[in-house]
Amino acid sequence: MTGFLNCLQDLLDRTRGLDFLAPLALRIYLAPIFILAGSNKLAHAEHLGPYFASLGIPAPEIMVYVAALTELLGGFALLAGLAVRWFALPLMFTMVVAATTAHWDNGWHALPETELQVPWEWRSDLIEDGTIRKERAREILREHSNYEWLTSAGSITILKNGIEFAATYFIMLLALFFTGAGRWFSLDYWIALRWRQPGRC
């Protein structure tokens, strides 16, 4: 039995030859999110200063540009696989700031879906309130509009806007911080292959 299980483990270990796919997938997933977030902040920077100030962020007019450039440049770096571990740090910090200032009071979940509720949700009251309001909105829309047309591209929901997305992106960036950009499909890999000389410090 032990021999059979070891055999199975050997077969599983052979997939490590494709381990570059995991960081590549994380980078391709995260890059457009940060590129779009950063470019949108830059496009609306003059309106975001007061919003950042309302969150208690110091020097809000400057921090809008810091956050925007961090996300924009970080997104392009993730896409190219360039200095990924270095860019992961400011991007993770940006996610912590977003989670603790803009989203924390709304709890964990982005959407108030009772079926998807996790045990660590600390604002279940907002889930209950959101569900009540969503059902009321559906009643109003069914009574006074073409509900089938309104929902043909997706169901009606309420945005709870908790830290779920910021926390998820943080965890994905944390994985990239420790694994790096991955082999073959990253500039980091080829730069390290040519110039990296460990143990010089």
Protein backbone atom coordinates (compact mmCIF):
# COMPACT_ATOMS: atom_id res chain seq x y z
CA MET A 1 0.00 0.00 0.00
CA THR A 2 2.82 2.41 0.91
CA GLY A 3 4.52 1.65 -2.41
CA PHE A 4 1.32 2.40 -4.33
CA LEU A 5 0.83 5.71 -2.50
CA ASN A 6 4.45 6.65 -3.15
CA CYS A 7 3.89 5.86 -6.81
CA LEU A 8 0.89 8.17 -6.89
CA GLN A 9 2.91 10.90 -5.16
CA ASP A 10 5.68 10.49 -7.76
CA LEU A 11 3.13 10.97 -10.53
CA LEU A 12 1.82 14.08 -8.79
CA ASP A 13 5.35 15.45 -8.30
CA ARG A 14 5.99 15.24 -12.04
CA THR A 15 3.52 18.11 -12.51
CA ARG A 16 6.06 20.41 -10.80
CA GLY A 17 7.62 20.83 -14.21
CA LEU A 18 4.63 23.06 -14.96
CA ASP A 19 4.85 25.06 -11.74
CA PHE A 20 5.47 28.24 -13.75
CA LEU A 21 1.78 28.21 -14.70
CA ALA A 22 0.60 29.19 -11.19
CA PRO A 23 2.46 32.53 -10.91
CA LEU A 24 1.75 33.22 -14.59
CA ALA A 25 -1.98 32.75 -13.99
CA LEU A 26 -1.89 35.00 -10.91
CA ARG A 27 -0.06 37.71 -12.86
CA ILE A 28 -2.42 37.57 -15.85
CA TYR A 29 -5.42 37.67 -13.51
CA LEU A 30 -4.19 40.59 -11.38
CA ALA A 31 -2.49 42.76 -14.02
CA PRO A 32 -5.61 44.14 -15.79
CA ILE A 33 -7.34 44.72 -12.44
CA PHE A 34 -4.52 46.98 -11.24
CA ILE A 35 -3.95 48.63 -14.63
CA LEU A 36 -7.63 49.59 -14.87
CA ALA A 37 -7.81 50.68 -11.22
CA GLY A 38 -4.72 52.86 -11.59
CA SER A 39 -5.76 54.44 -14.89
CA ASN A 40 -9.26 55.16 -13.54
CA LYS A 41 -7.77 56.87 -10.48
CA LEU A 42 -5.54 59.00 -12.71
CA ALA A 43 -8.47 59.92 -14.95
CA HIS A 44 -10.55 61.07 -11.96
CA ALA A 45 -7.77 62.24 -9.64
CA GLU A 46 -9.25 65.71 -9.07
CA HIS A 47 -12.49 64.18 -7.74
CA LEU A 48 -10.82 61.49 -5.61
CA GLY A 49 -8.89 63.86 -3.34
CA PRO A 50 -11.95 64.73 -1.21
CA TYR A 51 -12.94 61.05 -1.08
CA PHE A 52 -9.47 60.04 0.15
CA ALA A 53 -9.68 62.85 2.72
CA SER A 54 -13.04 61.53 3.97
CA LEU A 55 -11.33 58.17 4.60
CA GLY A 56 -8.76 59.84 6.85
CA ILE A 57 -5.88 59.32 4.42
CA PRO A 58 -3.17 61.97 4.97
CA ALA A 59 -2.16 64.27 2.08
CA PRO A 60 -5.11 62.94 0.05
CA GLU A 61 -4.37 64.84 -3.18
CA ILE A 62 -0.86 63.37 -3.28
CA MET A 63 -1.93 59.90 -2.14
CA VAL A 64 -4.41 59.63 -5.02
CA TYR A 65 -1.49 59.83 -7.43
CA VAL A 66 0.69 57.53 -5.29
CA ALA A 67 -2.06 54.88 -5.24
CA ALA A 68 -2.84 55.35 -8.94
CA LEU A 69 0.79 55.05 -10.07
CA THR A 70 1.42 52.12 -7.74
CA GLU A 71 -1.51 50.23 -9.27
CA LEU A 72 -0.81 51.27 -12.87
CA LEU A 73 2.95 50.61 -12.88
CA GLY A 74 2.51 47.54 -10.67
CA GLY A 75 -0.08 46.15 -13.07
CA PHE A 76 2.24 46.54 -16.07
CA ALA A 77 5.11 45.02 -14.07
CA LEU A 78 2.96 42.00 -13.21
CA LEU A 79 2.01 41.61 -16.85
CA ALA A 80 5.65 41.67 -17.98
CA GLY A 81 6.89 39.67 -15.01
CA LEU A 82 9.34 42.46 -14.16
CA ALA A 83 10.44 43.09 -10.55
CA VAL A 84 7.33 41.20 -9.45
CA ARG A 85 8.48 40.57 -5.88
CA TRP A 86 9.41 44.24 -5.47
CA PHE A 87 6.13 45.53 -6.91
CA ALA A 88 4.12 43.05 -4.82
CA LEU A 89 5.09 44.95 -1.65
CA PRO A 90 3.58 48.39 -2.49
CA LEU A 91 0.59 46.70 -4.12
CA MET A 92 -0.04 44.67 -0.94
CA PHE A 93 0.27 47.86 1.11
CA THR A 94 -2.27 49.55 -1.19
CA MET A 95 -4.68 46.64 -0.62
CA VAL A 96 -4.24 46.91 3.16
CA VAL A 97 -4.98 50.65 3.02
CA ALA A 98 -8.04 50.08 0.80
CA ALA A 99 -9.34 47.31 3.08
CA THR A 100 -8.88 49.23 6.32
CA THR A 101 -10.10 52.64 5.13
CA ALA A 102 -12.69 52.18 2.37
CA HIS A 103 -14.11 48.70 3.06
CA TRP A 104 -13.59 47.61 6.67
CA ASP A 105 -16.85 49.02 8.04
CA ASN A 106 -18.75 46.97 5.45
CA GLY A 107 -17.41 43.65 6.72
CA TRP A 108 -15.96 40.84 4.62
CA HIS A 109 -18.29 40.16 1.70
CA ALA A 110 -18.47 42.23 -1.45
CA LEU A 111 -22.06 41.11 -2.03
CA PRO A 112 -24.73 40.43 0.61
CA GLU A 113 -25.46 36.86 -0.53
CA THR A 114 -26.70 34.70 2.36
CA GLU A 115 -25.77 31.46 0.57
CA LEU A 116 -22.11 32.53 0.28
CA GLN A 117 -21.66 33.85 3.81
CA VAL A 118 -18.43 32.80 5.53
CA PRO A 119 -17.94 32.33 9.30
CA TRP A 120 -15.56 35.29 9.63
CA GLU A 121 -18.10 37.85 8.35
CA TRP A 122 -18.39 40.52 11.07
CA ARG A 123 -21.17 42.52 9.42
CA SER A 124 -23.87 39.89 8.94
CA ASP A 125 -26.37 42.64 9.78
CA LEU A 126 -25.51 44.26 6.44
CA ILE A 127 -26.11 40.94 4.70
CA GLU A 128 -29.57 40.71 6.27
CA ASP A 129 -30.34 44.36 5.48
CA GLY A 130 -29.01 43.97 1.95
CA THR A 131 -31.17 40.90 1.36
CA ILE A 132 -34.28 42.76 2.55
CA ARG A 133 -33.50 45.73 0.29
CA LYS A 134 -32.70 43.49 -2.68
CA GLU A 135 -36.03 41.70 -2.38
CA ARG A 136 -37.87 45.02 -2.07
CA ALA A 137 -36.03 46.37 -5.14
CA ARG A 138 -37.05 43.25 -7.07
CA GLU A 139 -40.69 43.71 -6.05
CA ILE A 140 -40.66 47.33 -7.22
CA LEU A 141 -38.96 46.44 -10.50
CA ARG A 142 -41.37 43.56 -11.18
CA GLU A 143 -44.32 45.85 -10.55
CA HIS A 144 -43.16 48.95 -12.43
CA SER A 145 -40.78 47.77 -15.16
CA ASN A 146 -39.86 45.05 -17.61
CA TYR A 147 -38.10 42.84 -15.05
CA GLU A 148 -37.19 40.13 -17.58
CA TRP A 149 -35.33 42.69 -19.71
CA LEU A 150 -33.63 44.28 -16.69
CA THR A 151 -32.31 40.91 -15.49
CA SER A 152 -31.47 39.42 -18.89
CA ALA A 153 -27.80 40.39 -18.47
CA GLY A 154 -27.59 39.32 -14.82
CA SER A 155 -29.59 39.27 -11.61
CA ILE A 156 -30.29 42.33 -9.48
CA THR A 157 -28.05 42.60 -6.42
CA ILE A 158 -26.82 45.04 -3.78
CA LEU A 159 -23.16 45.99 -3.41
CA LYS A 160 -22.07 45.41 0.18
CA ASN A 161 -18.51 46.50 -0.66
CA GLY A 162 -16.63 44.66 2.09
CA ILE A 163 -12.92 43.82 2.11
CA GLU A 164 -13.31 40.54 0.22
CA PHE A 165 -11.70 41.64 -3.05
CA ALA A 166 -8.91 43.65 -1.40
CA ALA A 167 -8.11 40.69 0.89
CA THR A 168 -8.17 38.24 -2.02
CA TYR A 169 -5.83 40.39 -4.10
CA PHE A 170 -3.54 40.74 -1.07
CA ILE A 171 -3.33 36.96 -0.69
CA MET A 172 -2.61 36.52 -4.40
CA LEU A 173 0.12 39.17 -4.23
CA LEU A 174 1.53 37.50 -1.12
CA ALA A 175 1.88 34.26 -3.09
CA LEU A 176 3.68 36.16 -5.88
CA PHE A 177 5.94 37.85 -3.34
CA PHE A 178 7.22 34.47 -2.18
CA THR A 179 7.17 32.56 -5.50
CA GLY A 180 8.25 35.36 -7.81
CA ALA A 181 7.10 35.79 -11.40
CA GLY A 182 7.75 32.19 -12.43
CA ARG A 183 9.91 30.62 -15.11
CA TRP A 184 9.97 31.17 -18.88
CA PHE A 185 7.20 33.78 -19.27
CA SER A 186 8.68 36.59 -17.17
CA LEU A 187 11.44 39.15 -17.59
CA ASP A 188 12.54 38.40 -14.03
CA TYR A 189 13.43 34.85 -15.01
CA TRP A 190 15.59 35.86 -17.96
CA ILE A 191 17.24 38.75 -16.09
CA ALA A 192 18.09 36.44 -13.18
CA LEU A 193 19.41 33.81 -15.58
CA ARG A 194 21.79 36.33 -17.12
CA TRP A 195 22.82 38.61 -14.25
CA ARG A 196 21.70 37.29 -10.84
CA GLN A 197 24.62 36.41 -8.54
CA PRO A 198 23.25 35.27 -5.16
CA GLY A 199 25.22 35.56 -1.95
CA ARG A 200 27.00 38.82 -2.81
CA CYS A 201 25.72 40.69 0.29
